[in-house]
PDB file of N, CA and C in Angstrom:
ATOM      1  N   MET A   1     -18.103 -27.368   7.825  1.00  0.00           N
ATOM      2  CA  MET A   1     -17.884 -27.218   6.404  1.00  0.00           C
ATOM      3  C   MET A   1     -18.791 -28.168   5.642  1.00  0.00           C
ATOM      4  N   SER A   2     -19.200 -27.738   4.498  1.00  0.00           N
ATOM      5  CA  SER A   2     -20.068 -28.567   3.673  1.00  0.00           C
ATOM      6  C   SER A   2     -19.236 -29.275   2.608  1.00  0.00           C
ATOM      7  N   ASP A   3     -19.924 -30.079   1.824  1.00  0.00           N
ATOM      8  CA  ASP A   3     -19.246 -30.792   0.745  1.00  0.00           C
ATOM      9  C   ASP A   3     -19.164 -29.931  -0.503  1.00  0.00           C
ATOM     10  N   LEU A   4     -18.169 -30.216  -1.299  1.00  0.00           N
ATOM     11  CA  LEU A   4     -17.956 -29.590  -2.586  1.00  0.00           C
ATOM     12  C   LEU A   4     -18.544 -30.512  -3.639  1.00  0.00           C
ATOM     13  N   HIS A   5     -19.251 -29.952  -4.615  1.00  0.00           N
ATOM     14  CA  HIS A   5     -19.856 -30.761  -5.672  1.00  0.00           C
ATOM     15  C   HIS A   5     -19.296 -30.314  -7.018  1.00  0.00           C
ATOM     16  N   VAL A   6     -18.597 -31.247  -7.695  1.00  0.00           N
ATOM     17  CA  VAL A   6     -17.985 -30.962  -8.988  1.00  0.00           C
ATOM     18  C   VAL A   6     -18.313 -32.108  -9.930  1.00  0.00           C
ATOM     19  N   ASP A   7     -18.966 -31.796 -11.030  1.00  0.00           N
ATOM     20  CA  ASP A   7     -19.267 -32.790 -12.065  1.00  0.00           C
ATOM     21  C   ASP A   7     -19.906 -34.058 -11.506  1.00  0.00           C
ATOM     22  N   GLY A   8     -20.903 -33.894 -10.656  1.00  0.00           N
ATOM     23  CA  GLY A   8     -21.633 -35.027 -10.112  1.00  0.00           C
ATOM     24  C   GLY A   8     -20.901 -35.794  -9.024  1.00  0.00           C
ATOM     25  N   MET A   9     -19.820 -35.223  -8.516  1.00  0.00           N
ATOM     26  CA  MET A   9     -19.030 -35.870  -7.471  1.00  0.00           C
ATOM     27  C   MET A   9     -19.026 -34.983  -6.234  1.00  0.00           C
ATOM     28  N   GLY A  10     -19.239 -35.591  -5.081  1.00  0.00           N
ATOM     29  CA  GLY A  10     -19.151 -34.862  -3.824  1.00  0.00           C
ATOM     30  C   GLY A  10     -17.801 -35.112  -3.172  1.00  0.00           C
ATOM     31  N   VAL A  11     -17.174 -34.048  -2.697  1.00  0.00           N
ATOM     32  CA  VAL A  11     -15.878 -34.148  -2.028  1.00  0.00           C
ATOM     33  C   VAL A  11     -15.976 -33.360  -0.729  1.00  0.00           C
ATOM     34  N   SER A  12     -15.608 -33.984   0.376  1.00  0.00           N
ATOM     35  CA  SER A  12     -15.682 -33.274   1.653  1.00  0.00           C
ATOM     36  C   SER A  12     -14.595 -32.209   1.728  1.00  0.00           C
ATOM     37  N   ALA A  13     -14.871 -31.173   2.499  1.00  0.00           N
ATOM     38  CA  ALA A  13     -13.890 -30.111   2.694  1.00  0.00           C
ATOM     39  C   ALA A  13     -12.622 -30.670   3.333  1.00  0.00           C
ATOM     40  N   GLY A  14     -12.767 -31.717   4.145  1.00  0.00           N
ATOM     41  CA  GLY A  14     -11.601 -32.343   4.766  1.00  0.00           C
ATOM     42  C   GLY A  14     -10.648 -32.941   3.747  1.00  0.00           C
ATOM     43  N   VAL A  15     -11.189 -33.484   2.679  1.00  0.00           N
ATOM     44  CA  VAL A  15     -10.345 -34.027   1.607  1.00  0.00           C
ATOM     45  C   VAL A  15      -9.569 -32.891   0.947  1.00  0.00           C
ATOM     46  N   VAL A  16     -10.244 -31.777   0.689  1.00  0.00           N
ATOM     47  CA  VAL A  16      -9.570 -30.620   0.090  1.00  0.00           C
ATOM     48  C   VAL A  16      -8.486 -30.110   1.039  1.00  0.00           C
ATOM     49  N   GLU A  17      -8.776 -30.057   2.339  1.00  0.00           N
ATOM     50  CA  GLU A  17      -7.775 -29.624   3.320  1.00  0.00           C
ATOM     51  C   GLU A  17      -6.540 -30.526   3.283  1.00  0.00           C
ATOM     52  N   THR A  18      -6.747 -31.821   3.167  1.00  0.00           N
ATOM     53  CA  THR A  18      -5.623 -32.754   3.115  1.00  0.00           C
ATOM     54  C   THR A  18      -4.793 -32.543   1.856  1.00  0.00           C
ATOM     55  N   ILE A  19      -5.446 -32.326   0.726  1.00  0.00           N
ATOM     56  CA  ILE A  19      -4.733 -32.037  -0.522  1.00  0.00           C
ATOM     57  C   ILE A  19      -3.897 -30.774  -0.355  1.00  0.00           C
ATOM     58  N   VAL A  20      -4.491 -29.739   0.235  1.00  0.00           N
ATOM     59  CA  VAL A  20      -3.783 -28.473   0.469  1.00  0.00           C
ATOM     60  C   VAL A  20      -2.580 -28.701   1.386  1.00  0.00           C
ATOM     61  N   ALA A  21      -2.768 -29.457   2.464  1.00  0.00           N
ATOM     62  CA  ALA A  21      -1.682 -29.706   3.419  1.00  0.00           C
ATOM     63  C   ALA A  21      -0.512 -30.419   2.759  1.00  0.00           C
ATOM     64  N   ILE A  22      -0.799 -31.464   2.006  1.00  0.00           N
ATOM     65  CA  ILE A  22       0.273 -32.237   1.374  1.00  0.00           C
ATOM     66  C   ILE A  22       0.983 -31.405   0.310  1.00  0.00           C
ATOM     67  N   ALA A  23       0.225 -30.693  -0.513  1.00  0.00           N
ATOM     68  CA  ALA A  23       0.830 -29.852  -1.552  1.00  0.00           C
ATOM     69  C   ALA A  23       1.726 -28.784  -0.928  1.00  0.00           C
ATOM     70  N   THR A  24       1.277 -28.198   0.174  1.00  0.00           N
ATOM     71  CA  THR A  24       2.051 -27.154   0.847  1.00  0.00           C
ATOM     72  C   THR A  24       3.331 -27.720   1.445  1.00  0.00           C
ATOM     73  N   GLN A  25       3.244 -28.872   2.085  1.00  0.00           N
ATOM     74  CA  GLN A  25       4.412 -29.482   2.721  1.00  0.00           C
ATOM     75  C   GLN A  25       5.481 -29.879   1.715  1.00  0.00           C
ATOM     76  N   GLU A  26       5.096 -30.094   0.464  1.00  0.00           N
ATOM     77  CA  GLU A  26       6.052 -30.505  -0.563  1.00  0.00           C
ATOM     78  C   GLU A  26       6.820 -29.336  -1.179  1.00  0.00           C
ATOM     79  N   VAL A  27       6.463 -28.096  -0.820  1.00  0.00           N
ATOM     80  CA  VAL A  27       7.134 -26.918  -1.377  1.00  0.00           C
ATOM     81  C   VAL A  27       8.448 -26.680  -0.627  1.00  0.00           C
ATOM     82  N   ASP A  28       9.544 -26.545  -1.381  1.00  0.00           N
ATOM     83  CA  ASP A  28      10.839 -26.229  -0.764  1.00  0.00           C
ATOM     84  C   ASP A  28      10.740 -24.890  -0.049  1.00  0.00           C
ATOM     85  N   GLY A  29      11.205 -24.857   1.187  1.00  0.00           N
ATOM     86  CA  GLY A  29      11.166 -23.629   1.973  1.00  0.00           C
ATOM     87  C   GLY A  29      10.072 -23.624   3.020  1.00  0.00           C
ATOM     88  N   VAL A  30       9.141 -24.581   2.938  1.00  0.00           N
ATOM     89  CA  VAL A  30       8.089 -24.702   3.948  1.00  0.00           C
ATOM     90  C   VAL A  30       8.566 -25.691   5.004  1.00  0.00           C
ATOM     91  N   ALA A  31       8.647 -25.219   6.256  1.00  0.00           N
ATOM     92  CA  ALA A  31       9.050 -26.094   7.359  1.00  0.00           C
ATOM     93  C   ALA A  31       7.868 -26.907   7.850  1.00  0.00           C
ATOM     94  N   SER A  32       6.695 -26.259   7.939  1.00  0.00           N
ATOM     95  CA  SER A  32       5.496 -26.954   8.405  1.00  0.00           C
ATOM     96  C   SER A  32       4.260 -26.136   8.072  1.00  0.00           C
ATOM     97  N   VAL A  33       3.121 -26.794   8.184  1.00  0.00           N
ATOM     98  CA  VAL A  33       1.828 -26.141   7.982  1.00  0.00           C
ATOM     99  C   VAL A  33       1.254 -25.854   9.358  1.00  0.00           C
ATOM    100  N   GLY A  34       0.756 -24.642   9.559  1.00  0.00           N
ATOM    101  CA  GLY A  34       0.229 -24.231  10.859  1.00  0.00           C
ATOM    102  C   GLY A  34       1.237 -23.337  11.548  1.00  0.00           C
ATOM    103  N   SER A  35       0.908 -22.861  12.736  1.00  0.00           N
ATOM    104  CA  SER A  35       1.829 -22.001  13.471  1.00  0.00           C
ATOM    105  C   SER A  35       2.958 -22.843  14.049  1.00  0.00           C
ATOM    106  N   ALA A  36       4.053 -22.206  14.382  1.00  0.00           N
ATOM    107  CA  ALA A  36       5.214 -22.915  14.924  1.00  0.00           C
ATOM    108  C   ALA A  36       4.846 -23.662  16.196  1.00  0.00           C
ATOM    109  N   LYS A  37       4.069 -23.037  17.062  1.00  0.00           N
ATOM    110  CA  LYS A  37       3.695 -23.650  18.335  1.00  0.00           C
ATOM    111  C   LYS A  37       2.805 -24.870  18.102  1.00  0.00           C
ATOM    112  N   VAL A  38       1.773 -24.715  17.276  1.00  0.00           N
ATOM    113  CA  VAL A  38       0.846 -25.815  17.012  1.00  0.00           C
ATOM    114  C   VAL A  38       1.537 -26.925  16.241  1.00  0.00           C
ATOM    115  N   SER A  39       2.338 -26.575  15.238  1.00  0.00           N
ATOM    116  CA  SER A  39       3.005 -27.593  14.429  1.00  0.00           C
ATOM    117  C   SER A  39       3.967 -28.415  15.263  1.00  0.00           C
ATOM    118  N   GLY A  40       4.702 -27.776  16.156  1.00  0.00           N
ATOM    119  CA  GLY A  40       5.634 -28.500  16.996  1.00  0.00           C
ATOM    120  C   GLY A  40       4.925 -29.468  17.923  1.00  0.00           C
ATOM    121  N   LEU A  41       3.857 -29.034  18.546  1.00  0.00           N
ATOM    122  CA  LEU A  41       3.089 -29.882  19.446  1.00  0.00           C
ATOM    123  C   LEU A  41       2.451 -31.031  18.685  1.00  0.00           C
ATOM    124  N   ARG A  42       1.847 -30.720  17.537  1.00  0.00           N
ATOM    125  CA  ARG A  42       1.202 -31.756  16.741  1.00  0.00           C
ATOM    126  C   ARG A  42       2.234 -32.755  16.241  1.00  0.00           C
ATOM    127  N   GLY A  43       3.416 -32.267  15.872  1.00  0.00           N
ATOM    128  CA  GLY A  43       4.464 -33.155  15.391  1.00  0.00           C
ATOM    129  C   GLY A  43       4.940 -34.131  16.454  1.00  0.00           C
ATOM    130  N   MET A  44       4.903 -33.701  17.731  1.00  0.00           N
ATOM    131  CA  MET A  44       5.297 -34.599  18.813  1.00  0.00           C
ATOM    132  C   MET A  44       4.249 -35.681  19.033  1.00  0.00           C
ATOM    133  N   ILE A  45       3.000 -35.365  18.748  1.00  0.00           N
ATOM    134  CA  ILE A  45       1.908 -36.304  18.977  1.00  0.00           C
ATOM    135  C   ILE A  45       1.739 -37.255  17.803  1.00  0.00           C
ATOM    136  N   SER A  46       1.815 -36.727  16.577  1.00  0.00           N
ATOM    137  CA  SER A  46       1.530 -37.553  15.412  1.00  0.00           C
ATOM    138  C   SER A  46       2.170 -36.968  14.171  1.00  0.00           C
ATOM    139  N   ASN A  47       2.522 -37.818  13.235  1.00  0.00           N
ATOM    140  CA  ASN A  47       3.045 -37.369  11.953  1.00  0.00           C
ATOM    141  C   ASN A  47       1.966 -37.360  10.880  1.00  0.00           C
ATOM    142  N   LYS A  48       0.743 -37.624  11.253  1.00  0.00           N
ATOM    143  CA  LYS A  48      -0.346 -37.676  10.286  1.00  0.00           C
ATOM    144  C   LYS A  48      -0.737 -36.275   9.833  1.00  0.00           C
ATOM    145  N   VAL A  49      -1.306 -36.191   8.619  1.00  0.00           N
ATOM    146  CA  VAL A  49      -1.823 -34.931   8.102  1.00  0.00           C
ATOM    147  C   VAL A  49      -3.318 -34.917   8.384  1.00  0.00           C
ATOM    148  N   SER A  50      -3.691 -34.947   9.643  1.00  0.00           N
ATOM    149  CA  SER A  50      -5.106 -34.925   9.978  1.00  0.00           C
ATOM    150  C   SER A  50      -5.363 -33.742  10.875  1.00  0.00           C
ATOM    151  N   GLY A  51      -6.591 -33.264  10.875  1.00  0.00           N
ATOM    152  CA  GLY A  51      -6.905 -32.085  11.640  1.00  0.00           C
ATOM    153  C   GLY A  51      -6.590 -30.828  10.859  1.00  0.00           C
ATOM    154  N   ASN A  52      -5.497 -30.821  10.151  1.00  0.00           N
ATOM    155  CA  ASN A  52      -5.103 -29.741   9.267  1.00  0.00           C
ATOM    156  C   ASN A  52      -5.219 -28.367   9.900  1.00  0.00           C
ATOM    157  N   THR A  53      -4.768 -28.235  11.151  1.00  0.00           N
ATOM    158  CA  THR A  53      -4.727 -26.933  11.786  1.00  0.00           C
ATOM    159  C   THR A  53      -3.860 -26.030  10.936  1.00  0.00           C
ATOM    160  N   GLY A  54      -4.355 -24.847  10.652  1.00  0.00           N
ATOM    161  CA  GLY A  54      -3.608 -23.922   9.820  1.00  0.00           C
ATOM    162  C   GLY A  54      -4.121 -23.863   8.400  1.00  0.00           C
ATOM    163  N   ILE A  55      -5.182 -24.607   8.113  1.00  0.00           N
ATOM    164  CA  ILE A  55      -5.782 -24.585   6.777  1.00  0.00           C
ATOM    165  C   ILE A  55      -7.264 -24.298   6.910  1.00  0.00           C
ATOM    166  N   ASP A  56      -7.730 -23.335   6.128  1.00  0.00           N
ATOM    167  CA  ASP A  56      -9.153 -23.017   6.114  1.00  0.00           C
ATOM    168  C   ASP A  56      -9.636 -23.091   4.671  1.00  0.00           C
ATOM    169  N   VAL A  57     -10.591 -23.963   4.425  1.00  0.00           N
ATOM    170  CA  VAL A  57     -11.194 -24.096   3.098  1.00  0.00           C
ATOM    171  C   VAL A  57     -12.642 -23.665   3.211  1.00  0.00           C
ATOM    172  N   HIS A  58     -13.002 -22.635   2.460  1.00  0.00           N
ATOM    173  CA  HIS A  58     -14.389 -22.166   2.448  1.00  0.00           C
ATOM    174  C   HIS A  58     -14.993 -22.495   1.086  1.00  0.00           C
ATOM    175  N   ILE A  59     -16.122 -23.181   1.113  1.00  0.00           N
ATOM    176  CA  ILE A  59     -16.833 -23.512  -0.120  1.00  0.00           C
ATOM    177  C   ILE A  59     -17.937 -22.484  -0.288  1.00  0.00           C
ATOM    178  N   GLY A  60     -17.806 -21.654  -1.308  1.00  0.00           N
ATOM    179  CA  GLY A  60     -18.748 -20.565  -1.533  1.00  0.00           C
ATOM    180  C   GLY A  60     -19.781 -20.894  -2.586  1.00  0.00           C
ATOM    181  N   GLU A  61     -20.378 -19.832  -3.112  1.00  0.00           N
ATOM    182  CA  GLU A  61     -21.393 -19.989  -4.147  1.00  0.00           C
ATOM    183  C   GLU A  61     -20.807 -20.709  -5.354  1.00  0.00           C
ATOM    184  N   ASN A  62     -21.637 -21.490  -5.993  1.00  0.00           N
ATOM    185  CA  ASN A  62     -21.241 -22.248  -7.184  1.00  0.00           C
ATOM    186  C   ASN A  62     -20.043 -23.156  -6.926  1.00  0.00           C
ATOM    187  N   ASP A  63     -19.868 -23.573  -5.660  1.00  0.00           N
ATOM    188  CA  ASP A  63     -18.774 -24.471  -5.277  1.00  0.00           C
ATOM    189  C   ASP A  63     -17.389 -23.920  -5.603  1.00  0.00           C
ATOM    190  N   HIS A  64     -17.245 -22.602  -5.537  1.00  0.00           N
ATOM    191  CA  HIS A  64     -15.932 -21.985  -5.693  1.00  0.00           C
ATOM    192  C   HIS A  64     -15.234 -21.997  -4.340  1.00  0.00           C
ATOM    193  N   LEU A  65     -13.929 -22.207  -4.350  1.00  0.00           N
ATOM    194  CA  LEU A  65     -13.165 -22.330  -3.112  1.00  0.00           C
ATOM    195  C   LEU A  65     -12.385 -21.065  -2.779  1.00  0.00           C
ATOM    196  N   THR A  66     -12.327 -20.766  -1.503  1.00  0.00           N
ATOM    197  CA  THR A  66     -11.424 -19.765  -0.951  1.00  0.00           C
ATOM    198  C   THR A  66     -10.566 -20.515   0.061  1.00  0.00           C
ATOM    199  N   ILE A  67      -9.263 -20.446  -0.114  1.00  0.00           N
ATOM    200  CA  ILE A  67      -8.345 -21.236   0.706  1.00  0.00           C
ATOM    201  C   ILE A  67      -7.378 -20.308   1.431  1.00  0.00           C
ATOM    202  N   ALA A  68      -7.170 -20.574   2.718  1.00  0.00           N
ATOM    203  CA  ALA A  68      -6.143 -19.880   3.502  1.00  0.00           C
ATOM    204  C   ALA A  68      -5.261 -20.941   4.141  1.00  0.00           C
ATOM    205  N   VAL A  69      -3.960 -20.741   4.062  1.00  0.00           N
ATOM    206  CA  VAL A  69      -3.020 -21.689   4.665  1.00  0.00           C
ATOM    207  C   VAL A  69      -1.984 -20.904   5.470  1.00  0.00           C
ATOM    208  N   HIS A  70      -1.730 -21.376   6.678  1.00  0.00           N
ATOM    209  CA  HIS A  70      -0.740 -20.770   7.567  1.00  0.00           C
ATOM    210  C   HIS A  70       0.468 -21.693   7.591  1.00  0.00           C
ATOM    211  N   ILE A  71       1.651 -21.102   7.376  1.00  0.00           N
ATOM    212  CA  ILE A  71       2.864 -21.914   7.300  1.00  0.00           C
ATOM    213  C   ILE A  71       3.956 -21.383   8.224  1.00  0.00           C
ATOM    214  N   VAL A  72       4.916 -22.243   8.496  1.00  0.00           N
ATOM    215  CA  VAL A  72       6.183 -21.859   9.101  1.00  0.00           C
ATOM    216  C   VAL A  72       7.215 -22.052   7.998  1.00  0.00           C
ATOM    217  N   ALA A  73       7.966 -20.994   7.706  1.00  0.00           N
ATOM    218  CA  ALA A  73       8.950 -21.031   6.628  1.00  0.00           C
ATOM    219  C   ALA A  73      10.335 -21.327   7.185  1.00  0.00           C
ATOM    220  N   LEU A  74      11.167 -21.900   6.341  1.00  0.00           N
ATOM    221  CA  LEU A  74      12.563 -22.084   6.713  1.00  0.00           C
ATOM    222  C   LEU A  74      13.272 -20.732   6.640  1.00  0.00           C
ATOM    223  N   TYR A  75      14.105 -20.450   7.627  1.00  0.00           N
ATOM    224  CA  TYR A  75      14.853 -19.204   7.654  1.00  0.00           C
ATOM    225  C   TYR A  75      15.699 -19.095   6.385  1.00  0.00           C
ATOM    226  N   GLY A  76      15.665 -17.929   5.772  1.00  0.00           N
ATOM    227  CA  GLY A  76      16.420 -17.691   4.547  1.00  0.00           C
ATOM    228  C   GLY A  76      15.574 -17.761   3.292  1.00  0.00           C
ATOM    229  N   ALA A  77      14.375 -18.306   3.402  1.00  0.00           N
ATOM    230  CA  ALA A  77      13.483 -18.362   2.239  1.00  0.00           C
ATOM    231  C   ALA A  77      13.059 -16.947   1.864  1.00  0.00           C
ATOM    232  N   VAL A  78      12.952 -16.682   0.582  1.00  0.00           N
ATOM    233  CA  VAL A  78      12.441 -15.398   0.108  1.00  0.00           C
ATOM    234  C   VAL A  78      10.920 -15.498   0.196  1.00  0.00           C
ATOM    235  N   LEU A  79      10.346 -14.833   1.175  1.00  0.00           N
ATOM    236  CA  LEU A  79       8.946 -15.062   1.527  1.00  0.00           C
ATOM    237  C   LEU A  79       7.945 -14.784   0.405  1.00  0.00           C
ATOM    238  N   PRO A  80       8.072 -13.681  -0.367  1.00  0.00           N
ATOM    239  CA  PRO A  80       7.106 -13.497  -1.463  1.00  0.00           C
ATOM    240  C   PRO A  80       7.168 -14.629  -2.499  1.00  0.00           C
ATOM    241  N   GLU A  81       8.381 -15.097  -2.792  1.00  0.00           N
ATOM    242  CA  GLU A  81       8.533 -16.205  -3.743  1.00  0.00           C
ATOM    243  C   GLU A  81       7.989 -17.502  -3.157  1.00  0.00           C
ATOM    244  N   LEU A  82       8.218 -17.712  -1.868  1.00  0.00           N
ATOM    245  CA  LEU A  82       7.703 -18.906  -1.201  1.00  0.00           C
ATOM    246  C   LEU A  82       6.181 -18.915  -1.226  1.00  0.00           C
ATOM    247  N   ALA A  83       5.575 -17.776  -0.904  1.00  0.00           N
ATOM    248  CA  ALA A  83       4.107 -17.690  -0.916  1.00  0.00           C
ATOM    249  C   ALA A  83       3.558 -17.989  -2.306  1.00  0.00           C
ATOM    250  N   GLU A  84       4.221 -17.482  -3.338  1.00  0.00           N
ATOM    251  CA  GLU A  84       3.768 -17.746  -4.708  1.00  0.00           C
ATOM    252  C   GLU A  84       3.924 -19.223  -5.057  1.00  0.00           C
ATOM    253  N   SER A  85       5.003 -19.846  -4.619  1.00  0.00           N
ATOM    254  CA  SER A  85       5.199 -21.280  -4.864  1.00  0.00           C
ATOM    255  C   SER A  85       4.141 -22.113  -4.151  1.00  0.00           C
ATOM    256  N   VAL A  86       3.790 -21.717  -2.928  1.00  0.00           N
ATOM    257  CA  VAL A  86       2.740 -22.417  -2.183  1.00  0.00           C
ATOM    258  C   VAL A  86       1.408 -22.275  -2.910  1.00  0.00           C
ATOM    259  N   ARG A  87       1.080 -21.048  -3.342  1.00  0.00           N
ATOM    260  CA  ARG A  87      -0.176 -20.832  -4.084  1.00  0.00           C
ATOM    261  C   ARG A  87      -0.220 -21.694  -5.344  1.00  0.00           C
ATOM    262  N   ALA A  88       0.883 -21.731  -6.087  1.00  0.00           N
ATOM    263  CA  ALA A  88       0.928 -22.514  -7.327  1.00  0.00           C
ATOM    264  C   ALA A  88       0.764 -24.006  -7.044  1.00  0.00           C
ATOM    265  N   ALA A  89       1.420 -24.500  -5.996  1.00  0.00           N
ATOM    266  CA  ALA A  89       1.320 -25.925  -5.656  1.00  0.00           C
ATOM    267  C   ALA A  89      -0.098 -26.296  -5.247  1.00  0.00           C
ATOM    268  N   ILE A  90      -0.723 -25.443  -4.441  1.00  0.00           N
ATOM    269  CA  ILE A  90      -2.099 -25.700  -4.009  1.00  0.00           C
ATOM    270  C   ILE A  90      -3.044 -25.661  -5.199  1.00  0.00           C
ATOM    271  N   SER A  91      -2.913 -24.639  -6.026  1.00  0.00           N
ATOM    272  CA  SER A  91      -3.789 -24.501  -7.188  1.00  0.00           C
ATOM    273  C   SER A  91      -3.678 -25.708  -8.108  1.00  0.00           C
ATOM    274  N   ASP A  92      -2.448 -26.124  -8.394  1.00  0.00           N
ATOM    275  CA  ASP A  92      -2.227 -27.271  -9.273  1.00  0.00           C
ATOM    276  C   ASP A  92      -2.822 -28.543  -8.674  1.00  0.00           C
ATOM    277  N   ALA A  93      -2.568 -28.784  -7.394  1.00  0.00           N
ATOM    278  CA  ALA A  93      -3.049 -30.014  -6.753  1.00  0.00           C
ATOM    279  C   ALA A  93      -4.569 -30.065  -6.678  1.00  0.00           C
ATOM    280  N   VAL A  94      -5.185 -28.980  -6.239  1.00  0.00           N
ATOM    281  CA  VAL A  94      -6.647 -28.971  -6.087  1.00  0.00           C
ATOM    282  C   VAL A  94      -7.332 -29.024  -7.446  1.00  0.00           C
ATOM    283  N   THR A  95      -6.825 -28.262  -8.405  1.00  0.00           N
ATOM    284  CA  THR A  95      -7.431 -28.254  -9.739  1.00  0.00           C
ATOM    285  C   THR A  95      -7.301 -29.622 -10.403  1.00  0.00           C
ATOM    286  N   THR A  96      -6.133 -30.238 -10.302  1.00  0.00           N
ATOM    287  CA  THR A  96      -5.899 -31.542 -10.919  1.00  0.00           C
ATOM    288  C   THR A  96      -6.703 -32.648 -10.250  1.00  0.00           C
ATOM    289  N   GLN A  97      -6.684 -32.689  -8.916  1.00  0.00           N
ATOM    290  CA  GLN A  97      -7.287 -33.805  -8.201  1.00  0.00           C
ATOM    291  C   GLN A  97      -8.785 -33.676  -8.005  1.00  0.00           C
ATOM    292  N   VAL A  98      -9.278 -32.442  -7.924  1.00  0.00           N
ATOM    293  CA  VAL A  98     -10.702 -32.239  -7.637  1.00  0.00           C
ATOM    294  C   VAL A  98     -11.436 -31.586  -8.799  1.00  0.00           C
ATOM    295  N   GLY A  99     -10.768 -30.711  -9.524  1.00  0.00           N
ATOM    296  CA  GLY A  99     -11.412 -30.017 -10.628  1.00  0.00           C
ATOM    297  C   GLY A  99     -12.229 -28.818 -10.190  1.00  0.00           C
ATOM    298  N   ALA A 100     -11.976 -28.329  -8.985  1.00  0.00           N
ATOM    299  CA  ALA A 100     -12.748 -27.210  -8.448  1.00  0.00           C
ATOM    300  C   ALA A 100     -12.150 -25.877  -8.879  1.00  0.00           C
ATOM    301  N   HIS A 101     -13.003 -24.857  -8.921  1.00  0.00           N
ATOM    302  CA  HIS A 101     -12.565 -23.498  -9.218  1.00  0.00           C
ATOM    303  C   HIS A 101     -12.122 -22.842  -7.913  1.00  0.00           C
ATOM    304  N   ILE A 102     -10.965 -22.197  -7.925  1.00  0.00           N
ATOM    305  CA  ILE A 102     -10.440 -21.525  -6.738  1.00  0.00           C
ATOM    306  C   ILE A 102     -10.513 -20.020  -6.959  1.00  0.00           C
ATOM    307  N   ASP A 103     -11.228 -19.329  -6.059  1.00  0.00           N
ATOM    308  CA  ASP A 103     -11.308 -17.868  -6.135  1.00  0.00           C
ATOM    309  C   ASP A 103     -10.046 -17.210  -5.588  1.00  0.00           C
ATOM    310  N   SER A 104      -9.531 -17.715  -4.465  1.00  0.00           N
ATOM    311  CA  SER A 104      -8.322 -17.125  -3.893  1.00  0.00           C
ATOM    312  C   SER A 104      -7.601 -18.125  -3.000  1.00  0.00           C
ATOM    313  N   ILE A 105      -6.284 -17.922  -2.915  1.00  0.00           N
ATOM    314  CA  ILE A 105      -5.436 -18.692  -2.007  1.00  0.00           C
ATOM    315  C   ILE A 105      -4.585 -17.680  -1.252  1.00  0.00           C
ATOM    316  N   ASP A 106      -4.798 -17.583   0.055  1.00  0.00           N
ATOM    317  CA  ASP A 106      -4.022 -16.674   0.893  1.00  0.00           C
ATOM    318  C   ASP A 106      -3.020 -17.484   1.702  1.00  0.00           C
ATOM    319  N   VAL A 107      -1.775 -17.019   1.724  1.00  0.00           N
ATOM    320  CA  VAL A 107      -0.704 -17.689   2.461  1.00  0.00           C
ATOM    321  C   VAL A 107      -0.253 -16.762   3.585  1.00  0.00           C
ATOM    322  N   TYR A 108      -0.270 -17.276   4.805  1.00  0.00           N
ATOM    323  CA  TYR A 108       0.148 -16.514   5.979  1.00  0.00           C
ATOM    324  C   TYR A 108       1.390 -17.171   6.567  1.00  0.00           C
ATOM    325  N   VAL A 109       2.485 -16.413   6.654  1.00  0.00           N
ATOM    326  CA  VAL A 109       3.709 -16.932   7.260  1.00  0.00           C
ATOM    327  C   VAL A 109       3.628 -16.626   8.754  1.00  0.00           C
ATOM    328  N   GLU A 110       3.499 -17.679   9.551  1.00  0.00           N
ATOM    329  CA  GLU A 110       3.290 -17.545  10.997  1.00  0.00           C
ATOM    330  C   GLU A 110       4.590 -17.612  11.789  1.00  0.00           C
ATOM    331  N   GLY A 111       5.657 -18.072  11.155  1.00  0.00           N
ATOM    332  CA  GLY A 111       6.919 -18.177  11.877  1.00  0.00           C
ATOM    333  C   GLY A 111       8.040 -18.621  10.964  1.00  0.00           C
ATOM    334  N   LEU A 112       9.238 -18.625  11.524  1.00  0.00           N
ATOM    335  CA  LEU A 112      10.430 -19.068  10.807  1.00  0.00           C
ATOM    336  C   LEU A 112      11.113 -20.160  11.614  1.00  0.00           C
ATOM    337  N   LYS A 113      11.763 -21.066  10.896  1.00  0.00           N
ATOM    338  CA  LYS A 113      12.493 -22.154  11.548  1.00  0.00           C
ATOM    339  C   LYS A 113      13.856 -22.278  10.885  1.00  0.00           C
ATOM    340  N   ARG A 114      14.867 -22.433  11.704  1.00  0.00           N
ATOM    341  CA  ARG A 114      16.215 -22.673  11.167  1.00  0.00           C
ATOM    342  C   ARG A 114      16.319 -24.118  10.734  1.00  0.00           C
ATOM    343  N   ASP A 115      16.916 -24.339   9.587  1.00  0.00           N
ATOM    344  CA  ASP A 115      17.115 -25.699   9.078  1.00  0.00           C
ATOM    345  C   ASP A 115      18.495 -26.166   9.507  1.00  0.00           C
ATOM    346  N   ARG A 116      18.540 -27.133  10.395  1.00  0.00           N
ATOM    347  CA  ARG A 116      19.841 -27.638  10.887  1.00  0.00           C
ATOM    348  C   ARG A 116      19.934 -29.101  10.652  1.00  0.00           C
TER     349      ARG A 116
END
């Protein structure tokens, strides 16, 4: 991935991925970012938001972003509403913190988890 350039500032794609990961994890109804199998294994190894498996940030022409995020949802969440909440959280966080233009945000629900 290349760097994003906004108003004379360079931001690595990894920074954008971290912003996306944190914004997504803060949405009610999201159990984890990434697939259930990967998230569980990664959670046993580390609690850090590094590597960001399950997030793809593509920097296109004119530094416009295309973002895809894979999540595990909590059982009982209304999935279309959850996806919209995730998109809104990502858009707000990236726009506020980086100032980049986002062309699209795709949310993929990879699994469900019971909240106990």
